[in-house]
Amino acid sequence: MIMDQGTVLLTDRAWPDDTVERAVIEGAGFRLVSGPPEPASAAVIDALVAEHQPAAILTCWAPVSAQAIGNTDNLRIVARLGVGLDNIAVTAATDRGVVVTNVPDYCVEEVSDHAVGLVLAWTRGLIVADREVRAGHWKPAGARLRRLSSLTCGVVGLGRIGSATAAKLRALGARVVASTPYPPADTGGVPIVGLDELLAGSDVVILHAPLTTSTHHLIGARELELMPPGALLVNVSRGGLVDTDALIASLAAGHLGGAGLDVLEDEPAVPAELLEYPGVMITPHIAFSSDASVVDLRRSAAEEVVRVLRGETPRYACNQPSTTTKHGVSS
């Protein structure tokens, strides 16, 4: 058995316990220290790193700042329990020779299902109708429903998840177009168009883009105005992709027909204005989740940590440390 060669800090988690992570990490001979279950502030994480001097950090949603990365000389990997990296100071990690990894393939089916589910709930009026019936109203003549196969759906971002969403929508008969800076070799028959063209020609717009400095508020007042009157905006990626104030203004003006949001800019805070509109559907950042996907995520992220601490190559490195590091690994 491998002797204890380092500490792994689990900053936070979106599940009740750390049993999966602990089994993988401790089974490989390393030590797991768990932080608070809820994502703590950057200052708290900075202090935890300074205290425990981890060789690896496993993080779900808690911020791993440049300060945290600089608070230990032992750090070799920051592993994201998820896909997006917007809570990790990737540049600081790269500069210090620290590998950053994610798990890009664990929730492809779940997130694409969630996106399609929000679209179907809107076209068939499921959420609005359920609320009406629960309120004691039975008004079938008041339903304003849509035929999905007559609509154009625009997918922004055609990676693994975006491609799966596009395929599922096409199978349901919808016309699908996509906008992406890096088109895959095989688009599955989906035409690639510019973002403005996609927005102007789509009854439904679904966001599958990562949150970066260049995609922050990718959808603002100008972009919403380009969308056809009565259109639906779906965001199952990151809240910061959408300017919330602009979204609320578009809904208030009666231009946008609805929104399906699994993520918000300042979650878990939910703007009261969004709750006023029947066409707005909000779920609490659960698109990634299923009984199978969460176990896959936890195991895969922990296994990446073990690989790096053993000197092996990670499966999903998201950066390339640019200098020869103190660990003797060069880029």
C-alpha atoms as a PDB file:
ATOM      1  CA  MET A   1       0.000   0.000   0.000  1.00  0.00           C
ATOM      2  CA  ILE A   2       1.207   3.543  -0.777  1.00  0.00           C
ATOM      3  CA  MET A   3       2.224   5.454   2.335  1.00  0.00           C
ATOM      4  CA  ASP A   4       0.629   8.822   3.150  1.00  0.00           C
ATOM      5  CA  GLN A   5       2.314  11.231   0.771  1.00  0.00           C
ATOM      6  CA  GLY A   6       0.084  14.278   1.111  1.00  0.00           C
ATOM      7  CA  THR A   7      -3.116  15.917   2.198  1.00  0.00           C
ATOM      8  CA  VAL A   8      -6.106  16.511  -0.058  1.00  0.00           C
ATOM      9  CA  LEU A   9      -8.465  19.343   0.888  1.00  0.00           C
ATOM     10  CA  LEU A  10     -12.121  18.999  -0.102  1.00  0.00           C
ATOM     11  CA  THR A  11     -13.322  22.595   0.069  1.00  0.00           C
ATOM     12  CA  ASP A  12     -17.076  21.958  -0.154  1.00  0.00           C
ATOM     13  CA  ARG A  13     -19.612  19.561  -1.587  1.00  0.00           C
ATOM     14  CA  ALA A  14     -23.157  19.508  -2.989  1.00  0.00           C
ATOM     15  CA  TRP A  15     -24.053  16.155  -1.389  1.00  0.00           C
ATOM     16  CA  PRO A  16     -24.540  14.917   2.177  1.00  0.00           C
ATOM     17  CA  ASP A  17     -21.175  13.234   2.822  1.00  0.00           C
ATOM     18  CA  ASP A  18     -17.620  12.743   1.559  1.00  0.00           C
ATOM     19  CA  THR A  19     -17.647   8.946   1.477  1.00  0.00           C
ATOM     20  CA  VAL A  20     -16.921   8.532  -2.241  1.00  0.00           C
ATOM     21  CA  GLU A  21     -14.045  11.019  -2.235  1.00  0.00           C
ATOM     22  CA  ARG A  22     -12.646   9.590   0.990  1.00  0.00           C
ATOM     23  CA  ALA A  23     -12.723   6.028  -0.319  1.00  0.00           C
ATOM     24  CA  VAL A  24     -10.735   6.969  -3.428  1.00  0.00           C
ATOM     25  CA  ILE A  25      -8.252   9.324  -1.725  1.00  0.00           C
ATOM     26  CA  GLU A  26      -7.586   7.275   1.402  1.00  0.00           C
ATOM     27  CA  GLY A  27      -7.649   4.045  -0.560  1.00  0.00           C
ATOM     28  CA  ALA A  28      -4.674   5.403  -2.494  1.00  0.00           C
ATOM     29  CA  GLY A  29      -2.773   6.196   0.702  1.00  0.00           C
ATOM     30  CA  PHE A  30      -3.468   9.916   0.942  1.00  0.00           C
ATOM     31  CA  ARG A  31      -5.243  11.950   3.635  1.00  0.00           C
ATOM     32  CA  LEU A  32      -8.556  13.738   3.028  1.00  0.00           C
ATOM     33  CA  VAL A  33      -9.541  16.825   4.998  1.00  0.00           C
ATOM     34  CA  SER A  34     -13.085  18.102   4.457  1.00  0.00           C
ATOM     35  CA  GLY A  35     -13.988  21.763   4.725  1.00  0.00           C
ATOM     36  CA  PRO A  36     -17.517  23.047   5.389  1.00  0.00           C
ATOM     37  CA  PRO A  37     -20.185  21.401   3.197  1.00  0.00           C
ATOM     38  CA  GLU A  38     -21.548  24.740   1.981  1.00  0.00           C
ATOM     39  CA  PRO A  39     -19.195  26.799  -0.190  1.00  0.00           C
ATOM     40  CA  ALA A  40     -17.307  29.151   2.115  1.00  0.00           C
ATOM     41  CA  SER A  41     -15.826  32.547   1.302  1.00  0.00           C
ATOM     42  CA  ALA A  42     -12.465  32.963  -0.372  1.00  0.00           C
ATOM     43  CA  ALA A  43     -10.999  34.089   2.949  1.00  0.00           C
ATOM     44  CA  VAL A  44     -12.119  30.878   4.676  1.00  0.00           C
ATOM     45  CA  ILE A  45     -10.700  28.700   1.892  1.00  0.00           C
ATOM     46  CA  ASP A  46      -7.449  30.700   1.923  1.00  0.00           C
ATOM     47  CA  ALA A  47      -7.130  29.981   5.644  1.00  0.00           C
ATOM     48  CA  LEU A  48      -7.917  26.274   5.255  1.00  0.00           C
ATOM     49  CA  VAL A  49      -5.215  25.930   2.616  1.00  0.00           C
ATOM     50  CA  ALA A  50      -2.697  27.784   4.778  1.00  0.00           C
ATOM     51  CA  GLU A  51      -3.560  25.542   7.727  1.00  0.00           C
ATOM     52  CA  HIS A  52      -3.485  22.149   6.018  1.00  0.00           C
ATOM     53  CA  GLN A  53      -0.865  22.754   3.295  1.00  0.00           C
ATOM     54  CA  PRO A  54      -2.588  20.366   0.871  1.00  0.00           C
ATOM     55  CA  ALA A  55      -0.903  18.704  -2.065  1.00  0.00           C
ATOM     56  CA  ALA A  56      -4.292  18.718  -3.796  1.00  0.00           C
ATOM     57  CA  ILE A  57      -7.525  20.673  -3.629  1.00  0.00           C
ATOM     58  CA  LEU A  58     -10.882  19.196  -4.587  1.00  0.00           C
ATOM     59  CA  THR A  59     -13.456  21.948  -5.027  1.00  0.00           C
ATOM     60  CA  CYS A  60     -17.103  22.046  -5.964  1.00  0.00           C
ATOM     61  CA  TRP A  61     -18.300  25.674  -5.861  1.00  0.00           C
ATOM     62  CA  ALA A  62     -16.054  27.319  -3.251  1.00  0.00           C
ATOM     63  CA  PRO A  63     -13.600  29.912  -4.621  1.00  0.00           C
ATOM     64  CA  VAL A  64      -9.997  28.758  -4.943  1.00  0.00           C
ATOM     65  CA  SER A  65      -8.236  32.094  -5.218  1.00  0.00           C
ATOM     66  CA  ALA A  66      -4.732  33.048  -6.256  1.00  0.00           C
ATOM     67  CA  GLN A  67      -4.096  33.653  -2.562  1.00  0.00           C
ATOM     68  CA  ALA A  68      -5.157  30.112  -1.689  1.00  0.00           C
ATOM     69  CA  ILE A  69      -2.955  28.671  -4.431  1.00  0.00           C
ATOM     70  CA  GLY A  70      -0.033  30.682  -3.082  1.00  0.00           C
ATOM     71  CA  ASN A  71      -0.675  29.641   0.519  1.00  0.00           C
ATOM     72  CA  THR A  72       0.954  26.225   0.145  1.00  0.00           C
ATOM     73  CA  ASP A  73       4.259  25.112  -1.350  1.00  0.00           C
ATOM     74  CA  ASN A  74       2.929  21.555  -1.674  1.00  0.00           C
ATOM     75  CA  LEU A  75       0.083  22.112  -4.117  1.00  0.00           C
ATOM     76  CA  ARG A  76       0.187  20.035  -7.286  1.00  0.00           C
ATOM     77  CA  ILE A  77      -3.433  19.912  -8.469  1.00  0.00           C
ATOM     78  CA  VAL A  78      -6.741  21.750  -8.139  1.00  0.00           C
ATOM     79  CA  ALA A  79      -9.490  19.377  -9.258  1.00  0.00           C
ATOM     80  CA  ARG A  80     -12.938  20.786 -10.004  1.00  0.00           C
ATOM     81  CA  LEU A  81     -15.920  18.660  -9.032  1.00  0.00           C
ATOM     82  CA  GLY A  82     -17.723  19.822 -12.143  1.00  0.00           C
ATOM     83  CA  VAL A  83     -17.086  21.277 -15.580  1.00  0.00           C
ATOM     84  CA  GLY A  84     -16.723  25.059 -15.306  1.00  0.00           C
ATOM     85  CA  LEU A  85     -13.574  26.635 -13.881  1.00  0.00           C
ATOM     86  CA  ASP A  86     -14.849  30.109 -13.015  1.00  0.00           C
ATOM     87  CA  ASN A  87     -14.345  29.547  -9.262  1.00  0.00           C
ATOM     88  CA  ILE A  88     -10.655  28.664  -9.697  1.00  0.00           C
ATOM     89  CA  ALA A  89      -7.777  31.088 -10.298  1.00  0.00           C
ATOM     90  CA  VAL A  90      -6.514  29.067 -13.251  1.00  0.00           C
ATOM     91  CA  THR A  91      -3.864  31.600 -14.301  1.00  0.00           C
ATOM     92  CA  ALA A  92      -2.354  31.653 -10.826  1.00  0.00           C
ATOM     93  CA  ALA A  93      -2.306  27.855 -10.771  1.00  0.00           C
ATOM     94  CA  THR A  94      -0.636  27.728 -14.172  1.00  0.00           C
ATOM     95  CA  ASP A  95       1.994  30.260 -13.114  1.00  0.00           C
ATOM     96  CA  ARG A  96       2.845  28.148 -10.074  1.00  0.00           C
ATOM     97  CA  GLY A  97       3.002  24.889 -12.015  1.00  0.00           C
ATOM     98  CA  VAL A  98      -0.248  23.543 -10.562  1.00  0.00           C
ATOM     99  CA  VAL A  99      -2.454  21.351 -12.751  1.00  0.00           C
ATOM    100  CA  VAL A 100      -6.149  22.224 -12.951  1.00  0.00           C
ATOM    101  CA  THR A 101      -8.587  19.472 -13.940  1.00  0.00           C
ATOM    102  CA  ASN A 102     -12.312  19.098 -14.400  1.00  0.00           C
ATOM    103  CA  VAL A 103     -14.780  16.333 -15.233  1.00  0.00           C
ATOM    104  CA  PRO A 104     -16.282  17.343 -18.591  1.00  0.00           C
ATOM    105  CA  ASP A 105     -18.115  14.137 -19.408  1.00  0.00           C
ATOM    106  CA  TYR A 106     -20.044  13.165 -16.283  1.00  0.00           C
ATOM    107  CA  CYS A 107     -23.350  14.994 -16.815  1.00  0.00           C
ATOM    108  CA  VAL A 108     -23.778  15.272 -20.571  1.00  0.00           C
ATOM    109  CA  GLU A 109     -27.092  13.407 -20.539  1.00  0.00           C
ATOM    110  CA  GLU A 110     -28.401  15.136 -17.436  1.00  0.00           C
ATOM    111  CA  VAL A 111     -27.753  18.740 -18.508  1.00  0.00           C
ATOM    112  CA  SER A 112     -28.973  18.178 -22.043  1.00  0.00           C
ATOM    113  CA  ASP A 113     -32.090  16.436 -20.680  1.00  0.00           C
ATOM    114  CA  HIS A 114     -32.663  19.395 -18.352  1.00  0.00           C
ATOM    115  CA  ALA A 115     -32.352  21.881 -21.200  1.00  0.00           C
ATOM    116  CA  VAL A 116     -34.787  19.938 -23.371  1.00  0.00           C
ATOM    117  CA  GLY A 117     -37.087  19.496 -20.383  1.00  0.00           C
ATOM    118  CA  LEU A 118     -37.271  23.255 -19.869  1.00  0.00           C
ATOM    119  CA  VAL A 119     -38.032  23.747 -23.557  1.00  0.00           C
ATOM    120  CA  LEU A 120     -40.815  21.151 -23.482  1.00  0.00           C
ATOM    121  CA  ALA A 121     -42.239  22.568 -20.245  1.00  0.00           C
ATOM    122  CA  TRP A 122     -42.472  25.955 -21.997  1.00  0.00           C
ATOM    123  CA  THR A 123     -43.900  24.763 -25.312  1.00  0.00           C
ATOM    124  CA  ARG A 124     -46.530  22.651 -23.560  1.00  0.00           C
ATOM    125  CA  GLY A 125     -47.219  25.170 -20.772  1.00  0.00           C
ATOM    126  CA  LEU A 126     -46.617  22.543 -18.092  1.00  0.00           C
ATOM    127  CA  ILE A 127     -45.414  24.832 -15.306  1.00  0.00           C
ATOM    128  CA  VAL A 128     -48.006  27.543 -15.889  1.00  0.00           C
ATOM    129  CA  ALA A 129     -50.851  25.025 -16.185  1.00  0.00           C
ATOM    130  CA  ASP A 130     -49.822  23.211 -13.012  1.00  0.00           C
ATOM    131  CA  ARG A 131     -49.691  26.483 -11.080  1.00  0.00           C
ATOM    132  CA  GLU A 132     -53.119  27.454 -12.400  1.00  0.00           C
ATOM    133  CA  VAL A 133     -54.730  24.144 -11.433  1.00  0.00           C
ATOM    134  CA  ARG A 134     -53.189  24.265  -7.967  1.00  0.00           C
ATOM    135  CA  ALA A 135     -54.639  27.756  -7.596  1.00  0.00           C
ATOM    136  CA  GLY A 136     -58.107  26.366  -8.362  1.00  0.00           C
ATOM    137  CA  HIS A 137     -58.344  27.459 -11.999  1.00  0.00           C
ATOM    138  CA  TRP A 138     -59.368  25.097 -14.805  1.00  0.00           C
ATOM    139  CA  LYS A 139     -59.097  27.089 -18.034  1.00  0.00           C
ATOM    140  CA  PRO A 140     -58.029  24.916 -20.969  1.00  0.00           C
ATOM    141  CA  ALA A 141     -59.178  27.586 -23.411  1.00  0.00           C
ATOM    142  CA  GLY A 142     -56.587  29.960 -21.982  1.00  0.00           C
ATOM    143  CA  ALA A 143     -53.619  27.770 -22.847  1.00  0.00           C
ATOM    144  CA  ARG A 144     -51.085  29.317 -25.208  1.00  0.00           C
ATOM    145  CA  LEU A 145     -49.100  26.321 -26.397  1.00  0.00           C
ATOM    146  CA  ARG A 146     -46.532  25.764 -29.132  1.00  0.00           C
ATOM    147  CA  ARG A 147     -45.550  22.959 -31.489  1.00  0.00           C
ATOM    148  CA  LEU A 148     -41.868  22.204 -30.966  1.00  0.00           C
ATOM    149  CA  SER A 149     -41.392  20.811 -34.457  1.00  0.00           C
ATOM    150  CA  SER A 150     -42.375  24.188 -35.914  1.00  0.00           C
ATOM    151  CA  LEU A 151     -39.752  26.095 -33.910  1.00  0.00           C
ATOM    152  CA  THR A 152     -36.101  26.949 -34.461  1.00  0.00           C
ATOM    153  CA  CYS A 153     -33.851  26.281 -31.484  1.00  0.00           C
ATOM    154  CA  GLY A 154     -30.474  28.006 -31.260  1.00  0.00           C
ATOM    155  CA  VAL A 155     -27.758  26.295 -29.211  1.00  0.00           C
ATOM    156  CA  VAL A 156     -24.941  28.569 -28.046  1.00  0.00           C
ATOM    157  CA  GLY A 157     -21.903  26.349 -27.494  1.00  0.00           C
ATOM    158  CA  LEU A 158     -21.588  23.029 -29.309  1.00  0.00           C
ATOM    159  CA  GLY A 159     -19.372  21.005 -27.018  1.00  0.00           C
ATOM    160  CA  ARG A 160     -20.334  17.665 -25.519  1.00  0.00           C
ATOM    161  CA  ILE A 161     -23.479  18.929 -23.810  1.00  0.00           C
ATOM    162  CA  GLY A 162     -24.536  21.365 -26.514  1.00  0.00           C
ATOM    163  CA  SER A 163     -24.191  18.651 -29.137  1.00  0.00           C
ATOM    164  CA  ALA A 164     -26.327  16.284 -27.048  1.00  0.00           C
ATOM    165  CA  THR A 165     -29.005  18.956 -26.604  1.00  0.00           C
ATOM    166  CA  ALA A 166     -29.010  19.668 -30.332  1.00  0.00           C
ATOM    167  CA  ALA A 167     -29.368  15.974 -31.174  1.00  0.00           C
ATOM    168  CA  LYS A 168     -32.276  15.526 -28.777  1.00  0.00           C
ATOM    169  CA  LEU A 169     -34.108  18.578 -30.090  1.00  0.00           C
ATOM    170  CA  ARG A 170     -33.610  17.444 -33.684  1.00  0.00           C
ATOM    171  CA  ALA A 171     -34.998  14.025 -32.751  1.00  0.00           C
ATOM    172  CA  LEU A 172     -38.115  15.805 -31.510  1.00  0.00           C
ATOM    173  CA  GLY A 173     -38.475  17.514 -34.873  1.00  0.00           C
ATOM    174  CA  ALA A 174     -37.163  20.994 -34.100  1.00  0.00           C
ATOM    175  CA  ARG A 175     -34.915  22.882 -36.483  1.00  0.00           C
ATOM    176  CA  VAL A 176     -31.602  23.482 -34.715  1.00  0.00           C
ATOM    177  CA  VAL A 177     -28.795  25.939 -35.415  1.00  0.00           C
ATOM    178  CA  ALA A 178     -25.694  26.571 -33.324  1.00  0.00           C
ATOM    179  CA  SER A 179     -23.137  29.249 -32.614  1.00  0.00           C
ATOM    180  CA  THR A 180     -19.709  28.256 -31.325  1.00  0.00           C
ATOM    181  CA  PRO A 181     -16.176  29.634 -31.597  1.00  0.00           C
ATOM    182  CA  TYR A 182     -14.758  26.135 -32.045  1.00  0.00           C
ATOM    183  CA  PRO A 183     -17.059  24.044 -34.258  1.00  0.00           C
ATOM    184  CA  PRO A 184     -16.531  20.287 -33.896  1.00  0.00           C
ATOM    185  CA  ALA A 185     -15.467  18.322 -36.949  1.00  0.00           C
ATOM    186  CA  ASP A 186     -18.864  16.635 -36.910  1.00  0.00           C
ATOM    187  CA  THR A 187     -21.709  19.024 -36.114  1.00  0.00           C
ATOM    188  CA  GLY A 188     -24.323  16.303 -36.413  1.00  0.00           C
ATOM    189  CA  GLY A 189     -25.969  18.152 -39.275  1.00  0.00           C
ATOM    190  CA  VAL A 190     -26.436  21.342 -37.239  1.00  0.00           C
ATOM    191  CA  PRO A 191     -25.659  24.545 -39.221  1.00  0.00           C
ATOM    192  CA  ILE A 192     -23.127  26.874 -37.571  1.00  0.00           C
ATOM    193  CA  VAL A 193     -24.075  30.555 -37.672  1.00  0.00           C
ATOM    194  CA  GLY A 194     -22.955  33.765 -35.993  1.00  0.00           C
ATOM    195  CA  LEU A 195     -24.388  34.607 -32.587  1.00  0.00           C
ATOM    196  CA  ASP A 196     -26.421  37.570 -33.834  1.00  0.00           C
ATOM    197  CA  GLU A 197     -27.905  35.477 -36.646  1.00  0.00           C
ATOM    198  CA  LEU A 198     -28.749  32.711 -34.179  1.00  0.00           C
ATOM    199  CA  LEU A 199     -30.448  35.127 -31.782  1.00  0.00           C
ATOM    200  CA  ALA A 200     -32.471  36.829 -34.504  1.00  0.00           C
ATOM    201  CA  GLY A 201     -33.671  33.559 -36.018  1.00  0.00           C
ATOM    202  CA  SER A 202     -34.369  31.377 -32.982  1.00  0.00           C
ATOM    203  CA  ASP A 203     -37.637  30.918 -31.120  1.00  0.00           C
ATOM    204  CA  VAL A 204     -35.646  29.235 -28.360  1.00  0.00           C
ATOM    205  CA  VAL A 205     -32.059  30.081 -27.346  1.00  0.00           C
ATOM    206  CA  ILE A 206     -30.182  27.620 -25.127  1.00  0.00           C
ATOM    207  CA  LEU A 207     -26.881  28.570 -23.490  1.00  0.00           C
ATOM    208  CA  HIS A 208     -24.198  25.898 -23.193  1.00  0.00           C
ATOM    209  CA  ALA A 209     -21.164  28.214 -23.041  1.00  0.00           C
ATOM    210  CA  PRO A 210     -18.501  28.407 -20.311  1.00  0.00           C
ATOM    211  CA  LEU A 211     -18.252  31.545 -18.178  1.00  0.00           C
ATOM    212  CA  THR A 212     -15.061  33.458 -18.981  1.00  0.00           C
ATOM    213  CA  THR A 213     -14.134  37.136 -19.109  1.00  0.00           C
ATOM    214  CA  SER A 214     -15.211  37.174 -22.757  1.00  0.00           C
ATOM    215  CA  THR A 215     -18.567  35.462 -22.177  1.00  0.00           C
ATOM    216  CA  HIS A 216     -19.630  37.414 -19.077  1.00  0.00           C
ATOM    217  CA  HIS A 217     -23.020  38.956 -19.928  1.00  0.00           C
ATOM    218  CA  LEU A 218     -22.878  37.297 -23.324  1.00  0.00           C
ATOM    219  CA  ILE A 219     -26.621  37.890 -23.370  1.00  0.00           C
ATOM    220  CA  GLY A 220     -27.436  41.496 -22.530  1.00  0.00           C
ATOM    221  CA  ALA A 221     -29.979  44.088 -23.583  1.00  0.00           C
ATOM    222  CA  ARG A 222     -28.782  44.223 -27.200  1.00  0.00           C
ATOM    223  CA  GLU A 223     -28.809  40.444 -27.589  1.00  0.00           C
ATOM    224  CA  LEU A 224     -32.239  40.061 -26.009  1.00  0.00           C
ATOM    225  CA  GLU A 225     -33.623  42.711 -28.334  1.00  0.00           C
ATOM    226  CA  LEU A 226     -32.360  40.679 -31.299  1.00  0.00           C
ATOM    227  CA  MET A 227     -34.462  37.699 -30.236  1.00  0.00           C
ATOM    228  CA  PRO A 228     -37.954  37.370 -31.763  1.00  0.00           C
ATOM    229  CA  PRO A 229     -40.863  38.643 -29.659  1.00  0.00           C
ATOM    230  CA  GLY A 230     -42.158  35.890 -27.397  1.00  0.00           C
ATOM    231  CA  ALA A 231     -38.953  33.806 -27.562  1.00  0.00           C
ATOM    232  CA  LEU A 232     -37.602  31.612 -24.762  1.00  0.00           C
ATOM    233  CA  LEU A 233     -34.123  31.911 -23.223  1.00  0.00           C
ATOM    234  CA  VAL A 234     -32.705  28.820 -21.471  1.00  0.00           C
ATOM    235  CA  ASN A 235     -29.547  28.960 -19.353  1.00  0.00           C
ATOM    236  CA  VAL A 236     -28.181  25.716 -17.917  1.00  0.00           C
ATOM    237  CA  SER A 237     -24.523  26.789 -17.881  1.00  0.00           C
ATOM    238  CA  ARG A 238     -23.516  29.737 -15.669  1.00  0.00           C
ATOM    239  CA  GLY A 239     -25.603  32.609 -14.357  1.00  0.00           C
ATOM    240  CA  GLY A 240     -23.041  35.205 -15.362  1.00  0.00           C
ATOM    241  CA  LEU A 241     -23.682  34.541 -19.043  1.00  0.00           C
ATOM    242  CA  VAL A 242     -26.886  36.568 -18.758  1.00  0.00           C
ATOM    243  CA  ASP A 243     -27.290  40.180 -17.650  1.00  0.00           C
ATOM    244  CA  THR A 244     -30.060  39.662 -15.108  1.00  0.00           C
ATOM    245  CA  ASP A 245     -31.210  43.290 -15.135  1.00  0.00           C
ATOM    246  CA  ALA A 246     -31.512  43.202 -18.922  1.00  0.00           C
ATOM    247  CA  LEU A 247     -33.434  39.923 -18.720  1.00  0.00           C
ATOM    248  CA  ILE A 248     -35.884  41.375 -16.210  1.00  0.00           C
ATOM    249  CA  ALA A 249     -36.314  44.493 -18.363  1.00  0.00           C
ATOM    250  CA  SER A 250     -37.039  42.387 -21.457  1.00  0.00           C
ATOM    251  CA  LEU A 251     -39.644  40.369 -19.567  1.00  0.00           C
ATOM    252  CA  ALA A 252     -41.194  43.529 -18.141  1.00  0.00           C
ATOM    253  CA  ALA A 253     -41.441  45.052 -21.612  1.00  0.00           C
ATOM    254  CA  GLY A 254     -43.250  41.953 -22.865  1.00  0.00           C
ATOM    255  CA  HIS A 255     -40.558  41.231 -25.442  1.00  0.00           C
ATOM    256  CA  LEU A 256     -39.171  37.956 -24.141  1.00  0.00           C
ATOM    257  CA  GLY A 257     -41.797  35.250 -23.799  1.00  0.00           C
ATOM    258  CA  GLY A 258     -40.114  33.253 -21.060  1.00  0.00           C
ATOM    259  CA  ALA A 259     -36.919  32.025 -19.474  1.00  0.00           C
ATOM    260  CA  GLY A 260     -35.765  28.645 -18.191  1.00  0.00           C
ATOM    261  CA  LEU A 261     -32.982  29.191 -15.672  1.00  0.00           C
ATOM    262  CA  ASP A 262     -31.055  26.545 -13.777  1.00  0.00           C
ATOM    263  CA  VAL A 263     -28.380  29.092 -12.850  1.00  0.00           C
ATOM    264  CA  LEU A 264     -28.445  32.700 -11.664  1.00  0.00           C
ATOM    265  CA  GLU A 265     -25.838  35.432 -11.399  1.00  0.00           C
ATOM    266  CA  ASP A 266     -26.005  35.707  -7.609  1.00  0.00           C
ATOM    267  CA  GLU A 267     -27.354  32.289  -6.687  1.00  0.00           C
ATOM    268  CA  PRO A 268     -28.749  31.228  -4.338  1.00  0.00           C
ATOM    269  CA  ALA A 269     -30.295  34.722  -4.233  1.00  0.00           C
ATOM    270  CA  VAL A 270     -33.294  34.842  -6.582  1.00  0.00           C
ATOM    271  CA  PRO A 271     -34.383  38.299  -7.803  1.00  0.00           C
ATOM    272  CA  ALA A 272     -37.972  38.862  -6.740  1.00  0.00           C
ATOM    273  CA  GLU A 273     -38.735  40.408 -10.133  1.00  0.00           C
ATOM    274  CA  LEU A 274     -38.062  37.101 -11.889  1.00  0.00           C
ATOM    275  CA  LEU A 275     -40.703  35.395  -9.785  1.00  0.00           C
ATOM    276  CA  GLU A 276     -43.402  37.761 -11.061  1.00  0.00           C
ATOM    277  CA  TYR A 277     -43.527  36.303 -14.575  1.00  0.00           C
ATOM    278  CA  PRO A 278     -45.459  33.063 -15.222  1.00  0.00           C
ATOM    279  CA  GLY A 279     -43.187  32.235 -18.157  1.00  0.00           C
ATOM    280  CA  VAL A 280     -40.071  32.094 -15.973  1.00  0.00           C
ATOM    281  CA  MET A 281     -39.007  28.651 -14.757  1.00  0.00           C
ATOM    282  CA  ILE A 282     -36.206  28.446 -12.171  1.00  0.00           C
ATOM    283  CA  THR A 283     -34.468  25.336 -10.829  1.00  0.00           C
ATOM    284  CA  PRO A 284     -31.727  25.433  -8.146  1.00  0.00           C
ATOM    285  CA  HIS A 285     -28.580  24.587 -10.183  1.00  0.00           C
ATOM    286  CA  ILE A 286     -29.478  20.913 -10.475  1.00  0.00           C
ATOM    287  CA  ALA A 287     -29.156  20.299 -14.218  1.00  0.00           C
ATOM    288  CA  PHE A 288     -25.985  18.280 -13.623  1.00  0.00           C
ATOM    289  CA  SER A 289     -27.533  16.028 -11.023  1.00  0.00           C
ATOM    290  CA  SER A 290     -28.767  12.454 -11.071  1.00  0.00           C
ATOM    291  CA  ASP A 291     -28.047   9.429  -8.918  1.00  0.00           C
ATOM    292  CA  ALA A 292     -25.580   8.169 -11.519  1.00  0.00           C
ATOM    293  CA  SER A 293     -23.929  11.447 -12.551  1.00  0.00           C
ATOM    294  CA  VAL A 294     -23.069  12.603  -9.039  1.00  0.00           C
ATOM    295  CA  VAL A 295     -21.293   9.354  -8.186  1.00  0.00           C
ATOM    296  CA  ASP A 296     -19.421   9.477 -11.505  1.00  0.00           C
ATOM    297  CA  LEU A 297     -18.405  13.075 -10.824  1.00  0.00           C
ATOM    298  CA  ARG A 298     -17.125  12.461  -7.321  1.00  0.00           C
ATOM    299  CA  ARG A 299     -15.174   9.352  -8.227  1.00  0.00           C
ATOM    300  CA  SER A 300     -13.695  10.820 -11.399  1.00  0.00           C
ATOM    301  CA  ALA A 301     -12.508  14.048  -9.750  1.00  0.00           C
ATOM    302  CA  ALA A 302     -10.909  12.144  -6.871  1.00  0.00           C
ATOM    303  CA  GLU A 303      -9.217   9.757  -9.285  1.00  0.00           C
ATOM    304  CA  GLU A 304      -7.680  12.728 -11.113  1.00  0.00           C
ATOM    305  CA  VAL A 305      -6.138  13.821  -7.816  1.00  0.00           C
ATOM    306  CA  VAL A 306      -4.687  10.376  -7.232  1.00  0.00           C
ATOM    307  CA  ARG A 307      -3.208  10.270 -10.737  1.00  0.00           C
ATOM    308  CA  VAL A 308      -1.405  13.572 -10.330  1.00  0.00           C
ATOM    309  CA  LEU A 309      -0.146  12.827  -6.814  1.00  0.00           C
ATOM    310  CA  ARG A 310       1.225   9.529  -8.125  1.00  0.00           C
ATOM    311  CA  GLY A 311       3.045  11.366 -10.906  1.00  0.00           C
ATOM    312  CA  GLU A 312       0.700  10.128 -13.617  1.00  0.00           C
ATOM    313  CA  THR A 313      -0.950  12.170 -16.372  1.00  0.00           C
ATOM    314  CA  PRO A 314      -4.481  13.381 -15.598  1.00  0.00           C
ATOM    315  CA  ARG A 315      -7.258  12.563 -18.036  1.00  0.00           C
ATOM    316  CA  TYR A 316      -8.641  16.084 -18.252  1.00  0.00           C
ATOM    317  CA  ALA A 317      -5.982  18.721 -17.648  1.00  0.00           C
ATOM    318  CA  CYS A 318      -7.427  22.184 -18.298  1.00  0.00           C
ATOM    319  CA  ASN A 319      -4.152  24.086 -18.263  1.00  0.00           C
ATOM    320  CA  GLN A 320      -0.506  23.639 -19.150  1.00  0.00           C
ATOM    321  CA  PRO A 321       1.772  24.832 -16.331  1.00  0.00           C
ATOM    322  CA  SER A 322       4.160  27.116 -18.123  1.00  0.00           C
ATOM    323  CA  THR A 323       7.369  26.699 -16.162  1.00  0.00           C
ATOM    324  CA  THR A 324       9.444  23.974 -14.591  1.00  0.00           C
ATOM    325  CA  THR A 325       7.891  23.568 -11.199  1.00  0.00           C
ATOM    326  CA  LYS A 326       9.218  22.776  -7.771  1.00  0.00           C
ATOM    327  CA  HIS A 327       7.872  19.259  -8.330  1.00  0.00           C
ATOM    328  CA  GLY A 328      10.220  18.723 -11.252  1.00  0.00           C
ATOM    329  CA  VAL A 329       7.538  18.626 -13.912  1.00  0.00           C
ATOM    330  CA  SER A 330       8.067  20.815 -16.992  1.00  0.00           C
ATOM    331  CA  SER A 331       5.500  21.976 -19.508  1.00  0.00           C
END
